[in-house]
Full PDB file with SEQRES, HELIX, SHEET, SSBOND, CRYST1, ORIGX, SCALE, CONECT and MASTER records, all heavy atoms in Angstrom:
SEQRES   1 A   38  ASP ASP ASN ALA ALA ALA ALA ASP MET ASP ALA TYR THR          
SEQRES   2 A   38  GLN ALA CYS VAL THR TRP ALA LEU SER ASN TYR GLN GLY          
SEQRES   3 A   38  LEU PRO ARG GLY LEU GLN LYS GLY VAL GLY VAL TYR              
HELIX    1 AA1 ALA A    6  ASN A   23  1                                  18    
CRYST1    1.000    1.000    1.000  90.00  90.00  90.00 P 1           1          
ORIGX1      1.000000  0.000000  0.000000        0.00000                         
ORIGX2      0.000000  1.000000  0.000000        0.00000                         
ORIGX3      0.000000  0.000000  1.000000        0.00000                         
SCALE1      1.000000  0.000000  0.000000        0.00000                         
SCALE2      0.000000  1.000000  0.000000        0.00000                         
SCALE3      0.000000  0.000000  1.000000        0.00000                         
ATOM      1  N   ASP A   1      65.749 -36.638 -56.395  1.00  0.00           N  
ATOM      2  CA  ASP A   1      65.863 -37.251 -55.069  1.00  0.00           C  
ATOM      3  C   ASP A   1      66.423 -38.652 -55.254  1.00  0.00           C  
ATOM      4  O   ASP A   1      65.723 -39.553 -55.707  1.00  0.00           O  
ATOM      5  CB  ASP A   1      64.504 -37.305 -54.372  1.00  0.00           C  
ATOM      6  CG  ASP A   1      64.595 -37.800 -52.933  1.00  0.00           C  
ATOM      7  OD1 ASP A   1      65.636 -38.380 -52.552  1.00  0.00           O  
ATOM      8  OD2 ASP A   1      63.625 -37.606 -52.194  1.00  0.00           O  
ATOM      9  N   ASP A   2      67.686 -38.813 -54.899  1.00  0.00           N  
ATOM     10  CA  ASP A   2      68.337 -40.115 -55.072  1.00  0.00           C  
ATOM     11  C   ASP A   2      67.767 -41.185 -54.161  1.00  0.00           C  
ATOM     12  O   ASP A   2      67.920 -42.377 -54.437  1.00  0.00           O  
ATOM     13  CB  ASP A   2      69.847 -39.992 -54.826  1.00  0.00           C  
ATOM     14  CG  ASP A   2      70.538 -39.167 -55.897  1.00  0.00           C  
ATOM     15  OD1 ASP A   2      69.988 -39.043 -57.011  1.00  0.00           O  
ATOM     16  OD2 ASP A   2      71.634 -38.637 -55.624  1.00  0.00           O  
ATOM     17  N   ASN A   3      67.115 -40.792 -53.087  1.00  0.00           N  
ATOM     18  CA  ASN A   3      66.592 -41.754 -52.117  1.00  0.00           C  
ATOM     19  C   ASN A   3      65.104 -42.045 -52.281  1.00  0.00           C  
ATOM     20  O   ASN A   3      64.544 -42.846 -51.535  1.00  0.00           O  
ATOM     21  CB  ASN A   3      66.844 -41.258 -50.695  1.00  0.00           C  
ATOM     22  CG  ASN A   3      68.327 -41.127 -50.421  1.00  0.00           C  
ATOM     23  OD1 ASN A   3      69.101 -42.024 -50.726  1.00  0.00           O  
ATOM     24  ND2 ASN A   3      68.740 -39.984 -49.896  1.00  0.00           N  
ATOM     25  N   ALA A   4      64.452 -41.409 -53.223  1.00  0.00           N  
ATOM     26  CA  ALA A   4      63.005 -41.604 -53.399  1.00  0.00           C  
ATOM     27  C   ALA A   4      62.712 -43.047 -53.797  1.00  0.00           C  
ATOM     28  O   ALA A   4      63.399 -43.636 -54.633  1.00  0.00           O  
ATOM     29  CB  ALA A   4      62.472 -40.657 -54.454  1.00  0.00           C  
ATOM     30  N   ALA A   5      61.674 -43.595 -53.181  1.00  0.00           N  
ATOM     31  CA  ALA A   5      61.216 -44.948 -53.491  1.00  0.00           C  
ATOM     32  C   ALA A   5      59.944 -44.853 -54.333  1.00  0.00           C  
ATOM     33  O   ALA A   5      59.459 -43.760 -54.629  1.00  0.00           O  
ATOM     34  CB  ALA A   5      60.944 -45.708 -52.189  1.00  0.00           C  
ATOM     35  N   ALA A   6      59.392 -45.993 -54.702  1.00  0.00           N  
ATOM     36  CA  ALA A   6      58.183 -46.025 -55.529  1.00  0.00           C  
ATOM     37  C   ALA A   6      57.034 -45.274 -54.876  1.00  0.00           C  
ATOM     38  O   ALA A   6      56.291 -44.552 -55.547  1.00  0.00           O  
ATOM     39  CB  ALA A   6      57.792 -47.468 -55.829  1.00  0.00           C  
ATOM     40  N   ALA A   7      56.872 -45.412 -53.561  1.00  0.00           N  
ATOM     41  CA  ALA A   7      55.786 -44.708 -52.865  1.00  0.00           C  
ATOM     42  C   ALA A   7      55.976 -43.197 -52.955  1.00  0.00           C  
ATOM     43  O   ALA A   7      55.001 -42.441 -53.103  1.00  0.00           O  
ATOM     44  CB  ALA A   7      55.711 -45.142 -51.402  1.00  0.00           C  
ATOM     45  N   ASP A   8      57.222 -42.737 -52.885  1.00  0.00           N  
ATOM     46  CA  ASP A   8      57.511 -41.309 -53.034  1.00  0.00           C  
ATOM     47  C   ASP A   8      57.177 -40.837 -54.452  1.00  0.00           C  
ATOM     48  O   ASP A   8      56.623 -39.755 -54.642  1.00  0.00           O  
ATOM     49  CB  ASP A   8      58.978 -41.013 -52.731  1.00  0.00           C  
ATOM     50  CG  ASP A   8      59.372 -41.415 -51.320  1.00  0.00           C  
ATOM     51  OD1 ASP A   8      58.636 -41.080 -50.386  1.00  0.00           O  
ATOM     52  OD2 ASP A   8      60.428 -42.074 -51.171  1.00  0.00           O  
ATOM     53  N   MET A   9      57.514 -41.671 -55.432  1.00  0.00           N  
ATOM     54  CA  MET A   9      57.213 -41.326 -56.825  1.00  0.00           C  
ATOM     55  C   MET A   9      55.709 -41.264 -57.037  1.00  0.00           C  
ATOM     56  O   MET A   9      55.216 -40.396 -57.761  1.00  0.00           O  
ATOM     57  CB  MET A   9      57.866 -42.340 -57.777  1.00  0.00           C  
ATOM     58  CG  MET A   9      57.693 -42.009 -59.235  1.00  0.00           C  
ATOM     59  SD  MET A   9      58.527 -40.462 -59.676  1.00  0.00           S  
ATOM     60  CE  MET A   9      58.216 -40.402 -61.424  1.00  0.00           C  
ATOM     61  N   ASP A  10      54.971 -42.149 -56.412  1.00  0.00           N  
ATOM     62  CA  ASP A  10      53.513 -42.137 -56.528  1.00  0.00           C  
ATOM     63  C   ASP A  10      52.948 -40.843 -55.930  1.00  0.00           C  
ATOM     64  O   ASP A  10      52.114 -40.181 -56.550  1.00  0.00           O  
ATOM     65  CB  ASP A  10      52.904 -43.358 -55.850  1.00  0.00           C  
ATOM     66  CG  ASP A  10      51.401 -43.399 -56.005  1.00  0.00           C  
ATOM     67  OD1 ASP A  10      50.916 -43.374 -57.157  1.00  0.00           O  
ATOM     68  OD2 ASP A  10      50.697 -43.453 -54.979  1.00  0.00           O  
ATOM     69  N   ALA A  11      53.402 -40.467 -54.756  1.00  0.00           N  
ATOM     70  CA  ALA A  11      52.926 -39.235 -54.109  1.00  0.00           C  
ATOM     71  C   ALA A  11      53.294 -38.016 -54.962  1.00  0.00           C  
ATOM     72  O   ALA A  11      52.483 -37.091 -55.122  1.00  0.00           O  
ATOM     73  CB  ALA A  11      53.502 -39.114 -52.703  1.00  0.00           C  
ATOM     74  N   TYR A  12      54.494 -38.007 -55.502  1.00  0.00           N  
ATOM     75  CA  TYR A  12      54.945 -36.909 -56.352  1.00  0.00           C  
ATOM     76  C   TYR A  12      54.090 -36.830 -57.615  1.00  0.00           C  
ATOM     77  O   TYR A  12      53.652 -35.751 -58.020  1.00  0.00           O  
ATOM     78  CB  TYR A  12      56.429 -37.104 -56.698  1.00  0.00           C  
ATOM     79  CG  TYR A  12      56.995 -36.102 -57.663  1.00  0.00           C  
ATOM     80  CD1 TYR A  12      57.036 -34.740 -57.353  1.00  0.00           C  
ATOM     81  CD2 TYR A  12      57.499 -36.512 -58.892  1.00  0.00           C  
ATOM     82  CE1 TYR A  12      57.565 -33.819 -58.241  1.00  0.00           C  
ATOM     83  CE2 TYR A  12      58.036 -35.590 -59.787  1.00  0.00           C  
ATOM     84  CZ  TYR A  12      58.057 -34.246 -59.456  1.00  0.00           C  
ATOM     85  OH  TYR A  12      58.583 -33.338 -60.341  1.00  0.00           O  
ATOM     86  N   THR A  13      53.806 -37.970 -58.218  1.00  0.00           N  
ATOM     87  CA  THR A  13      52.977 -38.011 -59.422  1.00  0.00           C  
ATOM     88  C   THR A  13      51.593 -37.437 -59.149  1.00  0.00           C  
ATOM     89  O   THR A  13      51.086 -36.606 -59.908  1.00  0.00           O  
ATOM     90  CB  THR A  13      52.874 -39.451 -59.960  1.00  0.00           C  
ATOM     91  OG1 THR A  13      54.183 -39.897 -60.341  1.00  0.00           O  
ATOM     92  CG2 THR A  13      51.936 -39.541 -61.154  1.00  0.00           C  
ATOM     93  N   GLN A  14      50.990 -37.858 -58.050  1.00  0.00           N  
ATOM     94  CA  GLN A  14      49.660 -37.354 -57.698  1.00  0.00           C  
ATOM     95  C   GLN A  14      49.687 -35.843 -57.471  1.00  0.00           C  
ATOM     96  O   GLN A  14      48.788 -35.121 -57.910  1.00  0.00           O  
ATOM     97  CB  GLN A  14      49.109 -38.085 -56.464  1.00  0.00           C  
ATOM     98  CG  GLN A  14      48.911 -39.574 -56.657  1.00  0.00           C  
ATOM     99  CD  GLN A  14      48.109 -39.923 -57.904  1.00  0.00           C  
ATOM    100  OE1 GLN A  14      47.098 -39.304 -58.198  1.00  0.00           O  
ATOM    101  NE2 GLN A  14      48.576 -40.902 -58.641  1.00  0.00           N  
ATOM    102  N   ALA A  15      50.715 -35.359 -56.795  1.00  0.00           N  
ATOM    103  CA  ALA A  15      50.842 -33.918 -56.551  1.00  0.00           C  
ATOM    104  C   ALA A  15      51.020 -33.160 -57.867  1.00  0.00           C  
ATOM    105  O   ALA A  15      50.443 -32.080 -58.045  1.00  0.00           O  
ATOM    106  CB  ALA A  15      52.007 -33.637 -55.601  1.00  0.00           C  
ATOM    107  N   CYS A  16      51.793 -33.718 -58.778  1.00  0.00           N  
ATOM    108  CA  CYS A  16      52.018 -33.070 -60.077  1.00  0.00           C  
ATOM    109  C   CYS A  16      50.732 -33.000 -60.893  1.00  0.00           C  
ATOM    110  O   CYS A  16      50.432 -31.977 -61.520  1.00  0.00           O  
ATOM    111  CB  CYS A  16      53.092 -33.816 -60.865  1.00  0.00           C  
ATOM    112  SG  CYS A  16      54.764 -33.620 -60.205  1.00  0.00           S  
ATOM    113  N   VAL A  17      49.960 -34.083 -60.905  1.00  0.00           N  
ATOM    114  CA  VAL A  17      48.693 -34.101 -61.642  1.00  0.00           C  
ATOM    115  C   VAL A  17      47.744 -33.057 -61.065  1.00  0.00           C  
ATOM    116  O   VAL A  17      47.141 -32.269 -61.799  1.00  0.00           O  
ATOM    117  CB  VAL A  17      48.060 -35.513 -61.630  1.00  0.00           C  
ATOM    118  CG1 VAL A  17      46.627 -35.476 -62.145  1.00  0.00           C  
ATOM    119  CG2 VAL A  17      48.908 -36.488 -62.442  1.00  0.00           C  
ATOM    120  N   THR A  18      47.631 -33.037 -59.754  1.00  0.00           N  
ATOM    121  CA  THR A  18      46.755 -32.057 -59.102  1.00  0.00           C  
ATOM    122  C   THR A  18      47.184 -30.638 -59.450  1.00  0.00           C  
ATOM    123  O   THR A  18      46.358 -29.790 -59.802  1.00  0.00           O  
ATOM    124  CB  THR A  18      46.762 -32.269 -57.576  1.00  0.00           C  
ATOM    125  OG1 THR A  18      46.266 -33.584 -57.306  1.00  0.00           O  
ATOM    126  CG2 THR A  18      45.908 -31.233 -56.863  1.00  0.00           C  
ATOM    127  N   TRP A  19      48.474 -30.365 -59.374  1.00  0.00           N  
ATOM    128  CA  TRP A  19      48.985 -29.025 -59.679  1.00  0.00           C  
ATOM    129  C   TRP A  19      48.699 -28.656 -61.133  1.00  0.00           C  
ATOM    130  O   TRP A  19      48.200 -27.562 -61.421  1.00  0.00           O  
ATOM    131  CB  TRP A  19      50.491 -28.951 -59.401  1.00  0.00           C  
ATOM    132  CG  TRP A  19      51.031 -27.583 -59.616  1.00  0.00           C  
ATOM    133  CD1 TRP A  19      51.146 -26.593 -58.689  1.00  0.00           C  
ATOM    134  CD2 TRP A  19      51.503 -27.022 -60.847  1.00  0.00           C  
ATOM    135  NE1 TRP A  19      51.659 -25.453 -59.275  1.00  0.00           N  
ATOM    136  CE2 TRP A  19      51.884 -25.689 -60.598  1.00  0.00           C  
ATOM    137  CE3 TRP A  19      51.635 -27.523 -62.136  1.00  0.00           C  
ATOM    138  CZ2 TRP A  19      52.392 -24.858 -61.583  1.00  0.00           C  
ATOM    139  CZ3 TRP A  19      52.133 -26.678 -63.133  1.00  0.00           C  
ATOM    140  CH2 TRP A  19      52.512 -25.361 -62.850  1.00  0.00           C  
ATOM    141  N   ALA A  20      49.015 -29.552 -62.064  1.00  0.00           N  
ATOM    142  CA  ALA A  20      48.832 -29.247 -63.486  1.00  0.00           C  
ATOM    143  C   ALA A  20      47.366 -29.005 -63.833  1.00  0.00           C  
ATOM    144  O   ALA A  20      47.048 -28.058 -64.547  1.00  0.00           O  
ATOM    145  CB  ALA A  20      49.410 -30.375 -64.344  1.00  0.00           C  
ATOM    146  N   LEU A  21      46.486 -29.849 -63.325  1.00  0.00           N  
ATOM    147  CA  LEU A  21      45.071 -29.679 -63.633  1.00  0.00           C  
ATOM    148  C   LEU A  21      44.505 -28.413 -62.998  1.00  0.00           C  
ATOM    149  O   LEU A  21      43.598 -27.790 -63.543  1.00  0.00           O  
ATOM    150  CB  LEU A  21      44.274 -30.912 -63.221  1.00  0.00           C  
ATOM    151  CG  LEU A  21      44.620 -32.197 -63.978  1.00  0.00           C  
ATOM    152  CD1 LEU A  21      43.755 -33.347 -63.503  1.00  0.00           C  
ATOM    153  CD2 LEU A  21      44.542 -32.020 -65.490  1.00  0.00           C  
ATOM    154  N   SER A  22      45.070 -28.017 -61.868  1.00  0.00           N  
ATOM    155  CA  SER A  22      44.632 -26.772 -61.211  1.00  0.00           C  
ATOM    156  C   SER A  22      45.168 -25.533 -61.916  1.00  0.00           C  
ATOM    157  O   SER A  22      44.571 -24.463 -61.820  1.00  0.00           O  
ATOM    158  CB  SER A  22      45.097 -26.751 -59.755  1.00  0.00           C  
ATOM    159  OG  SER A  22      44.497 -27.795 -59.033  1.00  0.00           O  
ATOM    160  N   ASN A  23      46.288 -25.662 -62.596  1.00  0.00           N  
ATOM    161  CA  ASN A  23      46.925 -24.516 -63.240  1.00  0.00           C  
ATOM    162  C   ASN A  23      46.687 -24.447 -64.749  1.00  0.00           C  
ATOM    163  O   ASN A  23      47.104 -23.476 -65.388  1.00  0.00           O  
ATOM    164  CB  ASN A  23      48.425 -24.518 -62.954  1.00  0.00           C  
ATOM    165  CG  ASN A  23      48.698 -24.090 -61.534  1.00  0.00           C  
ATOM    166  OD1 ASN A  23      48.712 -22.910 -61.227  1.00  0.00           O  
ATOM    167  ND2 ASN A  23      48.867 -25.051 -60.640  1.00  0.00           N  
ATOM    168  N   TYR A  24      46.045 -25.456 -65.312  1.00  0.00           N  
ATOM    169  CA  TYR A  24      45.733 -25.449 -66.744  1.00  0.00           C  
ATOM    170  C   TYR A  24      44.748 -24.333 -67.039  1.00  0.00           C  
ATOM    171  O   TYR A  24      43.768 -24.148 -66.326  1.00  0.00           O  
ATOM    172  CB  TYR A  24      45.149 -26.803 -67.158  1.00  0.00           C  
ATOM    173  CG  TYR A  24      44.477 -26.761 -68.510  1.00  0.00           C  
ATOM    174  CD1 TYR A  24      45.228 -26.721 -69.677  1.00  0.00           C  
ATOM    175  CD2 TYR A  24      43.092 -26.741 -68.617  1.00  0.00           C  
ATOM    176  CE1 TYR A  24      44.617 -26.668 -70.923  1.00  0.00           C  
ATOM    177  CE2 TYR A  24      42.467 -26.698 -69.852  1.00  0.00           C  
ATOM    178  CZ  TYR A  24      43.231 -26.658 -71.002  1.00  0.00           C  
ATOM    179  OH  TYR A  24      42.632 -26.606 -72.231  1.00  0.00           O  
ATOM    180  N   GLN A  25      45.024 -23.578 -68.096  1.00  0.00           N  
ATOM    181  CA  GLN A  25      44.116 -22.533 -68.538  1.00  0.00           C  
ATOM    182  C   GLN A  25      43.828 -22.756 -70.018  1.00  0.00           C  
ATOM    183  O   GLN A  25      44.713 -23.066 -70.783  1.00  0.00           O  
ATOM    184  CB  GLN A  25      44.728 -21.147 -68.333  1.00  0.00           C  
ATOM    185  CG  GLN A  25      44.962 -20.833 -66.881  1.00  0.00           C  
ATOM    186  CD  GLN A  25      45.614 -19.475 -66.689  1.00  0.00           C  
ATOM    187  OE1 GLN A  25      45.956 -18.794 -67.634  1.00  0.00           O  
ATOM    188  NE2 GLN A  25      45.761 -19.073 -65.445  1.00  0.00           N  
ATOM    189  N   GLY A  26      42.614 -22.597 -70.390  1.00  0.00           N  
ATOM    190  CA  GLY A  26      42.230 -22.785 -71.785  1.00  0.00           C  
ATOM    191  C   GLY A  26      40.839 -23.381 -71.856  1.00  0.00           C  
ATOM    192  O   GLY A  26      40.116 -23.446 -70.853  1.00  0.00           O  
ATOM    193  N   LEU A  27      40.482 -23.815 -73.040  1.00  0.00           N  
ATOM    194  CA  LEU A  27      39.183 -24.459 -73.210  1.00  0.00           C  
ATOM    195  C   LEU A  27      39.078 -25.663 -72.286  1.00  0.00           C  
ATOM    196  O   LEU A  27      40.095 -26.262 -71.932  1.00  0.00           O  
ATOM    197  CB  LEU A  27      39.003 -24.917 -74.658  1.00  0.00           C  
ATOM    198  CG  LEU A  27      38.812 -23.828 -75.701  1.00  0.00           C  
ATOM    199  CD1 LEU A  27      38.767 -24.438 -77.096  1.00  0.00           C  
ATOM    200  CD2 LEU A  27      37.547 -23.034 -75.433  1.00  0.00           C  
ATOM    201  N   PRO A  28      37.869 -26.030 -71.913  1.00  0.00           N  
ATOM    202  CA  PRO A  28      37.724 -27.220 -71.066  1.00  0.00           C  
ATOM    203  C   PRO A  28      38.376 -28.448 -71.710  1.00  0.00           C  
ATOM    204  O   PRO A  28      38.310 -28.631 -72.927  1.00  0.00           O  
ATOM    205  CB  PRO A  28      36.211 -27.393 -70.960  1.00  0.00           C  
ATOM    206  CG  PRO A  28      35.658 -26.020 -71.202  1.00  0.00           C  
ATOM    207  CD  PRO A  28      36.602 -25.393 -72.194  1.00  0.00           C  
ATOM    208  N   ARG A  29      39.002 -29.248 -70.889  1.00  0.00           N  
ATOM    209  CA  ARG A  29      39.620 -30.475 -71.386  1.00  0.00           C  
ATOM    210  C   ARG A  29      38.557 -31.325 -72.058  1.00  0.00           C  
ATOM    211  O   ARG A  29      37.429 -31.418 -71.602  1.00  0.00           O  
ATOM    212  CB  ARG A  29      40.261 -31.261 -70.248  1.00  0.00           C  
ATOM    213  CG  ARG A  29      41.400 -30.549 -69.600  1.00  0.00           C  
ATOM    214  CD  ARG A  29      42.131 -31.420 -68.586  1.00  0.00           C  
ATOM    215  NE  ARG A  29      41.323 -32.422 -67.936  1.00  0.00           N  
ATOM    216  CZ  ARG A  29      40.968 -32.400 -66.654  1.00  0.00           C  
ATOM    217  NH1 ARG A  29      41.354 -31.416 -65.888  1.00  0.00           N  
ATOM    218  NH2 ARG A  29      40.237 -33.360 -66.140  1.00  0.00           N  
ATOM    219  N   GLY A  30      38.939 -31.940 -73.146  1.00  0.00           N  
ATOM    220  CA  GLY A  30      38.020 -32.786 -73.884  1.00  0.00           C  
ATOM    221  C   GLY A  30      37.433 -32.090 -75.097  1.00  0.00           C  
ATOM    222  O   GLY A  30      36.969 -32.738 -76.018  1.00  0.00           O  
ATOM    223  N   LEU A  31      37.447 -30.762 -75.123  1.00  0.00           N  
ATOM    224  CA  LEU A  31      36.957 -30.004 -76.276  1.00  0.00           C  
ATOM    225  C   LEU A  31      38.146 -29.660 -77.167  1.00  0.00           C  
ATOM    226  O   LEU A  31      38.587 -28.522 -77.258  1.00  0.00           O  
ATOM    227  CB  LEU A  31      36.233 -28.727 -75.829  1.00  0.00           C  
ATOM    228  CG  LEU A  31      34.979 -28.938 -74.988  1.00  0.00           C  
ATOM    229  CD1 LEU A  31      34.423 -27.607 -74.516  1.00  0.00           C  
ATOM    230  CD2 LEU A  31      33.942 -29.707 -75.780  1.00  0.00           C  
ATOM    231  N   GLN A  32      38.688 -30.681 -77.791  1.00  0.00           N  
ATOM    232  CA  GLN A  32      39.880 -30.573 -78.628  1.00  0.00           C  
ATOM    233  C   GLN A  32      41.097 -30.107 -77.835  1.00  0.00           C  
ATOM    234  O   GLN A  32      42.038 -29.563 -78.397  1.00  0.00           O  
ATOM    235  CB  GLN A  32      39.636 -29.657 -79.825  1.00  0.00           C  
ATOM    236  CG  GLN A  32      38.576 -30.149 -80.781  1.00  0.00           C  
ATOM    237  CD  GLN A  32      38.814 -31.554 -81.289  1.00  0.00           C  
ATOM    238  OE1 GLN A  32      38.157 -32.481 -80.869  1.00  0.00           O  
ATOM    239  NE2 GLN A  32      39.760 -31.719 -82.183  1.00  0.00           N  
ATOM    240  N   LYS A  33      41.062 -30.284 -76.523  1.00  0.00           N  
ATOM    241  CA  LYS A  33      42.189 -29.937 -75.647  1.00  0.00           C  
ATOM    242  C   LYS A  33      42.487 -31.110 -74.743  1.00  0.00           C  
ATOM    243  O   LYS A  33      41.581 -31.805 -74.276  1.00  0.00           O  
ATOM    244  CB  LYS A  33      41.853 -28.721 -74.765  1.00  0.00           C  
ATOM    245  CG  LYS A  33      41.585 -27.457 -75.525  1.00  0.00           C  
ATOM    246  CD  LYS A  33      42.854 -26.877 -76.067  1.00  0.00           C  
ATOM    247  CE  LYS A  33      42.561 -25.534 -76.731  1.00  0.00           C  
ATOM    248  NZ  LYS A  33      43.729 -24.875 -77.197  1.00  0.00           N  
ATOM    249  N   GLY A  34      43.758 -31.326 -74.481  1.00  0.00           N  
ATOM    250  CA  GLY A  34      44.179 -32.358 -73.551  1.00  0.00           C  
ATOM    251  C   GLY A  34      45.356 -31.852 -72.737  1.00  0.00           C  
ATOM    252  O   GLY A  34      46.038 -30.895 -73.124  1.00  0.00           O  
ATOM    253  N   VAL A  35      45.592 -32.486 -71.595  1.00  0.00           N  
ATOM    254  CA  VAL A  35      46.681 -32.097 -70.711  1.00  0.00           C  
ATOM    255  C   VAL A  35      47.564 -33.313 -70.462  1.00  0.00           C  
ATOM    256  O   VAL A  35      47.065 -34.379 -70.082  1.00  0.00           O  
ATOM    257  CB  VAL A  35      46.138 -31.548 -69.364  1.00  0.00           C  
ATOM    258  CG1 VAL A  35      47.275 -31.250 -68.405  1.00  0.00           C  
ATOM    259  CG2 VAL A  35      45.310 -30.300 -69.607  1.00  0.00           C  
ATOM    260  N   GLY A  36      48.835 -33.118 -70.690  1.00  0.00           N  
ATOM    261  CA  GLY A  36      49.822 -34.154 -70.406  1.00  0.00           C  
ATOM    262  C   GLY A  36      50.688 -33.730 -69.236  1.00  0.00           C  
ATOM    263  O   GLY A  36      51.218 -32.620 -69.229  1.00  0.00           O  
ATOM    264  N   VAL A  37      50.805 -34.593 -68.243  1.00  0.00           N  
ATOM    265  CA  VAL A  37      51.593 -34.302 -67.050  1.00  0.00           C  
ATOM    266  C   VAL A  37      52.753 -35.291 -67.004  1.00  0.00           C  
ATOM    267  O   VAL A  37      52.536 -36.505 -66.998  1.00  0.00           O  
ATOM    268  CB  VAL A  37      50.733 -34.410 -65.769  1.00  0.00           C  
ATOM    269  CG1 VAL A  37      51.547 -34.014 -64.554  1.00  0.00           C  
ATOM    270  CG2 VAL A  37      49.477 -33.570 -65.889  1.00  0.00           C  
ATOM    271  N   TYR A  38      53.960 -34.763 -66.970  1.00  0.00           N  
ATOM    272  CA  TYR A  38      55.172 -35.580 -66.954  1.00  0.00           C  
ATOM    273  C   TYR A  38      55.901 -35.360 -65.630  1.00  0.00           C  
ATOM    274  O   TYR A  38      56.755 -34.475 -65.551  1.00  0.00           O  
ATOM    275  CB  TYR A  38      56.084 -35.209 -68.122  1.00  0.00           C  
ATOM    276  CG  TYR A  38      55.465 -35.379 -69.481  1.00  0.00           C  
ATOM    277  CD1 TYR A  38      54.628 -34.412 -70.016  1.00  0.00           C  
ATOM    278  CD2 TYR A  38      55.720 -36.513 -70.235  1.00  0.00           C  
ATOM    279  CE1 TYR A  38      54.052 -34.559 -71.262  1.00  0.00           C  
ATOM    280  CE2 TYR A  38      55.160 -36.673 -71.491  1.00  0.00           C  
ATOM    281  CZ  TYR A  38      54.327 -35.701 -72.005  1.00  0.00           C  
ATOM    282  OH  TYR A  38      53.762 -35.864 -73.237  1.00  0.00           O  
TER     283      TYR A  38                                                      
MASTER        0    0    0    1    0    0    0    6  282    1    0    3          
END                                                                             
């Protein structure tokens, strides 16, 4: 999105984190597992 501003990037980041944490499958985070959201 060429027109996205910082507020748009913040909203997108929050949506991405929520999506990734909701879709992560595996051992619970923190038990030798971590999730990176880019």
